[in-house]
Amino acid sequence: MTNIHKNISRTVTRFAPSPSGYLHLGHAYAALFAWRLAQHSNGQFILRIEDLDKERRSKEFEECIYEDLEWLGISWNKPVMRQSDRSEAYKRAINSLSEMKLLYPCFCTRKDILEEINVSNNAPHKNNSFGPIYPGICRNLENEKRNALIGSGKPYALRLDITKAKHIVGNLTWYDRIRGKQIVQINNIGDVVLARKDIASSYHLAVTIDDAAQGITLINRGNDLFESTHVHRILQALLDLETPEWQHTPLLTDTNGKRLAKRENSLTLRSLRARGIKGTDIWLEAIKNIASTEKSDIGIKF
């Protein structure tokens, strides 16, 4: 159903930050890793701004992303794609999946989901990397009740019926450069959200559509997104999109073993720049660790 990139001699990679905070060292290593992979094959490095979150996105943060990457000595293709400009592409994908009868409206709040998990013996009592696995509360709502809730103006999200989707696409595989061949599994996924009334697309749908539109052949990202790749592979098959390779690497941590993250006020590139540290210093340290990664095949170390 989809074509998997094979024997790719020219790698197209991407770095896709959200303009919701300043970039930190983890971002620097991810960007440098992707940039070097593209350079190594005389390929392309793509910068994409993932700004679907209207509440958190900021023009100031976006401008600082450009400044930080230039400070690191990284160049990218222009113009830069912004997800906020891509609503029509996401809408077409939603319509296609709706025609396949794979989407259903979900009216549940996070509280509703947690309460259902707590009281139901049949609901999966486990989480994936995105939170509690959805127990399917709204999946089989009668049309009359569903239409009444929509008519009342109650907010809802559109969820993918993952079991139906898997039945359509059959057995799928994808390739991770570190872990090797992977068979698509749905047990730890659940019916993921693909769109909301106020947001044209979820992360899952947007990155799948945009990676295909930009011809990305290798997606380098953290291990925290490993499970989501099963979802993306299914979406690629359903929408007849090219399938790239992936490379999921260990997350960078601080000296206390805590993951570097914007919300944790991790050391930012902006603050390093203000202290007089040169981007080339960060670059050389990253290249040293990337070289170690390529030899050991276990991901970036820090």
Protein backbone atom coordinates (compact mmCIF):
# COMPACT_ATOMS: atom_id res chain seq x y z
CA MET A 1 0.00 0.00 0.00
CA THR A 2 2.89 2.36 0.70
CA ASN A 3 6.40 2.53 -0.63
CA ILE A 4 9.31 2.19 1.78
CA HIS A 5 12.44 4.16 0.93
CA LYS A 6 15.19 1.60 0.21
CA ASN A 7 18.87 2.01 -0.53
CA ILE A 8 18.64 5.74 -0.12
CA SER A 9 21.87 7.42 -1.18
CA ARG A 10 20.67 10.97 -0.53
CA THR A 11 19.28 11.50 2.94
CA VAL A 12 16.65 14.12 3.71
CA THR A 13 16.39 14.85 7.43
CA ARG A 14 14.45 17.39 9.44
CA PHE A 15 14.47 19.29 12.70
CA ALA A 16 10.96 20.29 13.80
CA PRO A 17 10.89 22.32 17.03
CA SER A 18 7.86 23.98 18.57
CA PRO A 19 8.15 27.75 19.14
CA SER A 20 6.97 27.40 22.73
CA GLY A 21 10.27 28.05 24.50
CA TYR A 22 13.99 28.49 23.97
CA LEU A 23 16.06 25.67 22.50
CA HIS A 24 18.29 23.74 24.92
CA LEU A 25 21.27 21.43 24.52
CA GLY A 26 19.03 18.47 23.68
CA HIS A 27 17.66 20.41 20.73
CA ALA A 28 21.18 21.37 19.66
CA TYR A 29 22.32 17.75 19.56
CA ALA A 30 19.18 16.64 17.68
CA ALA A 31 19.57 19.40 15.09
CA LEU A 32 23.30 18.79 14.65
CA PHE A 33 22.73 15.05 14.37
CA ALA A 34 20.13 15.47 11.62
CA TRP A 35 22.17 18.14 9.85
CA ARG A 36 25.32 16.00 9.79
CA LEU A 37 23.43 12.94 8.52
CA ALA A 38 22.15 15.01 5.60
CA GLN A 39 25.57 16.51 4.89
CA HIS A 40 27.20 13.08 4.93
CA SER A 41 25.10 11.96 1.93
CA ASN A 42 25.04 15.35 0.20
CA GLY A 43 21.37 15.41 1.13
CA GLN A 44 19.02 18.01 2.59
CA PHE A 45 18.35 19.29 6.09
CA ILE A 46 14.81 20.62 6.53
CA LEU A 47 13.67 22.99 9.27
CA ARG A 48 9.96 22.87 10.13
CA ILE A 49 8.13 24.95 12.75
CA GLU A 50 5.50 22.90 14.61
CA ASP A 51 3.26 25.69 15.84
CA LEU A 52 -0.20 24.12 16.10
CA ASP A 53 -0.48 25.07 19.79
CA LYS A 54 -1.99 28.54 19.56
CA GLU A 55 -1.78 29.10 23.31
CA ARG A 56 1.94 28.42 23.65
CA ARG A 57 3.47 29.42 20.32
CA SER A 58 5.37 32.70 20.13
CA LYS A 59 6.97 34.67 17.31
CA GLU A 60 9.79 35.56 19.72
CA PHE A 61 10.59 31.89 20.29
CA GLU A 62 10.45 31.19 16.55
CA GLU A 63 12.94 33.97 15.80
CA CYS A 64 15.22 32.64 18.53
CA ILE A 65 15.15 29.19 16.92
CA TYR A 66 16.64 30.73 13.77
CA GLU A 67 19.24 32.63 15.80
CA ASP A 68 20.27 29.53 17.75
CA LEU A 69 20.66 27.38 14.65
CA GLU A 70 22.70 30.07 12.89
CA TRP A 71 24.88 30.32 16.02
CA LEU A 72 25.49 26.57 15.73
CA GLY A 73 26.49 27.02 12.09
CA ILE A 74 23.50 25.13 10.73
CA SER A 75 21.88 26.13 7.44
CA TRP A 76 18.52 24.95 6.12
CA ASN A 77 16.30 25.04 3.06
CA LYS A 78 13.93 27.96 2.70
CA PRO A 79 11.10 28.78 2.94
CA VAL A 80 10.41 27.17 6.30
CA MET A 81 7.19 25.17 6.58
CA ARG A 82 4.87 26.13 9.45
CA GLN A 83 2.17 23.74 10.56
CA SER A 84 -0.17 26.66 11.19
CA ASP A 85 -0.26 27.14 7.39
CA ARG A 86 -1.13 23.50 6.72
CA SER A 87 -4.77 23.21 7.84
CA GLU A 88 -6.06 22.36 4.34
CA ALA A 89 -3.64 19.43 3.99
CA TYR A 90 -4.71 18.09 7.38
CA LYS A 91 -8.39 18.56 6.52
CA ARG A 92 -7.98 16.49 3.33
CA ALA A 93 -6.41 13.68 5.33
CA ILE A 94 -9.20 13.82 7.94
CA ASN A 95 -11.81 13.69 5.19
CA SER A 96 -10.09 10.69 3.61
CA LEU A 97 -10.01 8.80 6.90
CA SER A 98 -13.63 9.76 7.61
CA GLU A 99 -14.69 8.33 4.25
CA MET A 100 -13.06 5.07 5.33
CA LYS A 101 -15.22 5.24 8.50
CA LEU A 102 -12.13 5.12 10.69
CA LEU A 103 -12.81 8.23 12.80
CA TYR A 104 -15.32 8.85 15.55
CA PRO A 105 -16.04 11.87 17.77
CA CYS A 106 -14.88 11.56 21.37
CA PHE A 107 -16.49 13.82 23.99
CA CYS A 108 -14.41 12.58 26.93
CA THR A 109 -12.37 14.82 29.17
CA ARG A 110 -9.16 13.55 30.73
CA LYS A 111 -11.11 13.16 33.98
CA ASP A 112 -13.71 10.99 32.23
CA ILE A 113 -11.00 8.72 30.86
CA LEU A 114 -9.25 8.29 34.21
CA GLU A 115 -12.54 7.57 35.98
CA GLU A 116 -13.48 4.93 33.40
CA ILE A 117 -10.09 3.25 33.75
CA ASN A 118 -10.44 3.18 37.52
CA VAL A 119 -13.90 1.58 37.58
CA SER A 120 -13.67 -0.80 34.61
CA ASN A 121 -12.11 -4.22 34.94
CA ASN A 122 -11.87 -4.47 31.16
CA ALA A 123 -10.16 -1.15 30.49
CA PRO A 124 -6.39 -1.25 29.97
CA HIS A 125 -4.76 -0.09 33.20
CA LYS A 126 -1.57 1.21 31.62
CA ASN A 127 -0.14 4.25 29.94
CA ASN A 128 1.81 4.87 26.80
CA SER A 129 4.23 7.74 26.24
CA PHE A 130 1.29 10.11 25.66
CA GLY A 131 -0.65 9.24 28.81
CA PRO A 132 -3.46 6.80 29.69
CA ILE A 133 -4.51 4.48 26.87
CA TYR A 134 -8.02 5.46 25.82
CA PRO A 135 -10.54 2.79 26.92
CA GLY A 136 -12.94 3.37 24.02
CA ILE A 137 -15.77 5.11 25.88
CA CYS A 138 -17.18 6.90 22.81
CA ARG A 139 -16.24 4.32 20.19
CA ASN A 140 -19.62 2.62 20.05
CA LEU A 141 -21.97 5.46 20.93
CA GLU A 142 -25.34 5.24 19.19
CA ASN A 143 -25.69 7.70 16.33
CA GLU A 144 -28.66 9.40 17.99
CA LYS A 145 -26.69 10.15 21.15
CA ARG A 146 -23.61 11.11 19.17
CA ASN A 147 -25.56 13.57 17.02
CA ALA A 148 -27.29 15.02 20.07
CA LEU A 149 -23.96 15.71 21.77
CA ILE A 150 -22.59 17.36 18.63
CA GLY A 151 -25.76 19.42 18.27
CA SER A 152 -25.49 20.61 21.86
CA GLY A 153 -22.10 22.15 21.10
CA LYS A 154 -20.19 19.82 23.41
CA PRO A 155 -16.46 19.91 22.50
CA TYR A 156 -15.09 16.75 20.93
CA ALA A 157 -11.99 15.26 19.37
CA LEU A 158 -11.74 12.91 16.41
CA ARG A 159 -10.16 9.59 17.30
CA LEU A 160 -8.76 6.92 15.00
CA ASP A 161 -10.30 3.48 15.50
CA ILE A 162 -6.93 1.78 15.61
CA THR A 163 -8.31 -1.78 15.46
CA LYS A 164 -10.34 -1.06 12.31
CA ALA A 165 -7.33 0.72 10.80
CA LYS A 166 -5.04 -2.24 11.48
CA HIS A 167 -7.61 -4.57 9.91
CA ILE A 168 -7.51 -2.49 6.71
CA VAL A 169 -3.73 -2.17 6.37
CA GLY A 170 -2.84 -5.65 7.62
CA ASN A 171 0.62 -6.50 8.89
CA LEU A 172 3.08 -3.62 8.59
CA THR A 173 6.73 -3.13 9.40
CA TRP A 174 9.08 -0.18 9.74
CA TYR A 175 12.82 0.13 10.16
CA ASP A 176 14.72 1.78 12.97
CA ARG A 177 18.45 2.24 12.35
CA ILE A 178 19.28 1.40 15.95
CA ARG A 179 16.73 -1.33 16.83
CA GLY A 180 16.27 -2.82 13.37
CA LYS A 181 13.08 -4.08 11.76
CA GLN A 182 9.91 -3.40 13.75
CA ILE A 183 6.48 -4.99 13.40
CA VAL A 184 3.59 -2.58 13.92
CA GLN A 185 1.88 -3.24 17.25
CA ILE A 186 -1.38 -1.66 18.43
CA ASN A 187 -1.70 -3.05 21.96
CA ASN A 188 0.06 -0.07 23.52
CA ILE A 189 -1.48 2.60 21.30
CA GLY A 190 -5.24 2.85 21.74
CA ASP A 191 -7.52 5.10 19.67
CA VAL A 192 -5.35 8.19 19.32
CA VAL A 193 -6.68 11.71 18.75
CA LEU A 194 -6.11 13.01 15.21
CA ALA A 195 -7.89 16.37 15.43
CA ARG A 196 -9.88 18.62 17.76
CA LYS A 197 -12.54 21.19 17.15
CA ASP A 198 -10.09 24.02 17.85
CA ILE A 199 -6.95 22.38 16.41
CA ALA A 200 -6.82 21.19 12.79
CA SER A 201 -4.56 18.26 13.56
CA SER A 202 -2.89 16.36 16.36
CA TYR A 203 0.85 15.74 16.48
CA HIS A 204 0.38 12.25 15.01
CA LEU A 205 -1.43 13.32 11.87
CA ALA A 206 0.49 16.57 11.28
CA VAL A 207 3.99 15.09 11.39
CA THR A 208 2.97 12.15 9.20
CA ILE A 209 1.49 14.43 6.54
CA ASP A 210 4.32 16.97 6.70
CA ASP A 211 7.17 14.45 6.64
CA ALA A 212 5.69 12.95 3.48
CA ALA A 213 5.10 16.37 1.90
CA GLN A 214 8.71 17.36 2.51
CA GLY A 215 10.18 14.07 1.27
CA ILE A 216 11.85 13.19 4.59
CA THR A 217 13.74 9.91 4.25
CA LEU A 218 15.15 9.64 7.78
CA ILE A 219 13.43 10.79 10.96
CA ASN A 220 15.80 11.18 13.89
CA ARG A 221 14.06 11.69 17.24
CA GLY A 222 14.05 10.63 20.88
CA ASN A 223 13.07 7.27 22.34
CA ASP A 224 10.05 8.92 23.99
CA LEU A 225 8.38 8.94 20.56
CA PHE A 226 9.15 5.31 19.69
CA GLU A 227 5.60 4.06 20.36
CA SER A 228 4.08 6.83 18.25
CA THR A 229 5.90 5.51 15.18
CA HIS A 230 3.49 2.56 15.09
CA VAL A 231 0.64 5.07 14.70
CA HIS A 232 2.49 7.01 12.02
CA ARG A 233 3.25 3.85 10.04
CA ILE A 234 -0.46 2.95 10.03
CA LEU A 235 -1.40 6.46 8.90
CA GLN A 236 1.16 6.28 6.09
CA ALA A 237 -0.40 3.05 4.86
CA LEU A 238 -3.95 4.38 5.09
CA LEU A 239 -3.07 7.60 3.25
CA ASP A 240 -0.74 5.94 0.73
CA LEU A 241 2.31 7.94 1.79
CA GLU A 242 6.00 7.13 1.45
CA THR A 243 7.56 5.46 4.47
CA PRO A 244 10.94 6.76 5.68
CA GLU A 245 13.43 5.16 8.04
CA TRP A 246 13.60 6.17 11.69
CA GLN A 247 16.36 6.52 14.23
CA HIS A 248 15.22 6.77 17.85
CA THR A 249 17.98 7.87 20.20
CA PRO A 250 18.27 8.04 24.00
CA LEU A 251 17.13 11.32 25.51
CA LEU A 252 19.80 13.65 26.81
CA THR A 253 19.82 14.13 30.56
CA ASP A 254 21.40 16.50 33.03
CA THR A 255 23.94 15.48 35.69
CA ASN A 256 21.07 14.24 37.90
CA GLY A 257 19.77 11.97 35.17
CA LYS A 258 16.76 14.19 34.48
CA ARG A 259 15.61 14.63 30.91
CA LEU A 260 16.39 17.98 29.30
CA ALA A 261 13.08 19.75 28.64
CA LYS A 262 11.72 23.24 28.09
CA ARG A 263 9.32 22.93 30.99
CA GLU A 264 12.21 22.07 33.31
CA ASN A 265 14.09 25.25 32.34
CA SER A 266 16.96 23.21 30.94
CA LEU A 267 20.10 25.11 30.02
CA THR A 268 19.18 27.07 26.90
CA LEU A 269 21.35 27.87 23.89
CA ARG A 270 20.36 31.49 24.38
CA SER A 271 21.89 31.50 27.87
CA LEU A 272 25.06 29.78 26.63
CA ARG A 273 25.39 32.39 23.92
CA ALA A 274 24.97 35.18 26.48
CA ARG A 275 27.81 33.67 28.53
CA GLY A 276 30.15 33.96 25.57
CA ILE A 277 30.25 30.29 24.69
CA LYS A 278 30.74 29.75 20.98
CA GLY A 279 28.43 27.67 18.86
CA THR A 280 31.47 25.89 17.46
CA ASP A 281 32.25 24.61 20.97
CA ILE A 282 28.82 22.98 21.18
CA TRP A 283 29.26 21.72 17.61
CA LEU A 284 32.60 20.05 18.30
CA GLU A 285 31.28 18.35 21.44
CA ALA A 286 28.23 17.14 19.52
CA ILE A 287 30.31 15.80 16.64
CA LYS A 288 32.46 13.87 19.12
CA ASN A 289 29.37 12.25 20.60
CA ILE A 290 27.79 11.66 17.19
CA ALA A 291 30.95 9.91 16.03
CA SER A 292 30.74 7.72 19.13
CA THR A 293 27.10 6.99 18.30
CA GLU A 294 27.87 5.91 14.77
CA LYS A 295 30.49 3.47 16.00
CA SER A 296 28.47 1.98 18.86
CA ASP A 297 25.03 2.31 17.17
CA ILE A 298 23.32 3.10 20.48
CA GLY A 299 22.37 6.77 20.06
CA ILE A 300 23.67 10.13 21.20
CA LYS A 301 25.55 10.25 24.49
CA PHE A 302 26.03 13.33 26.62
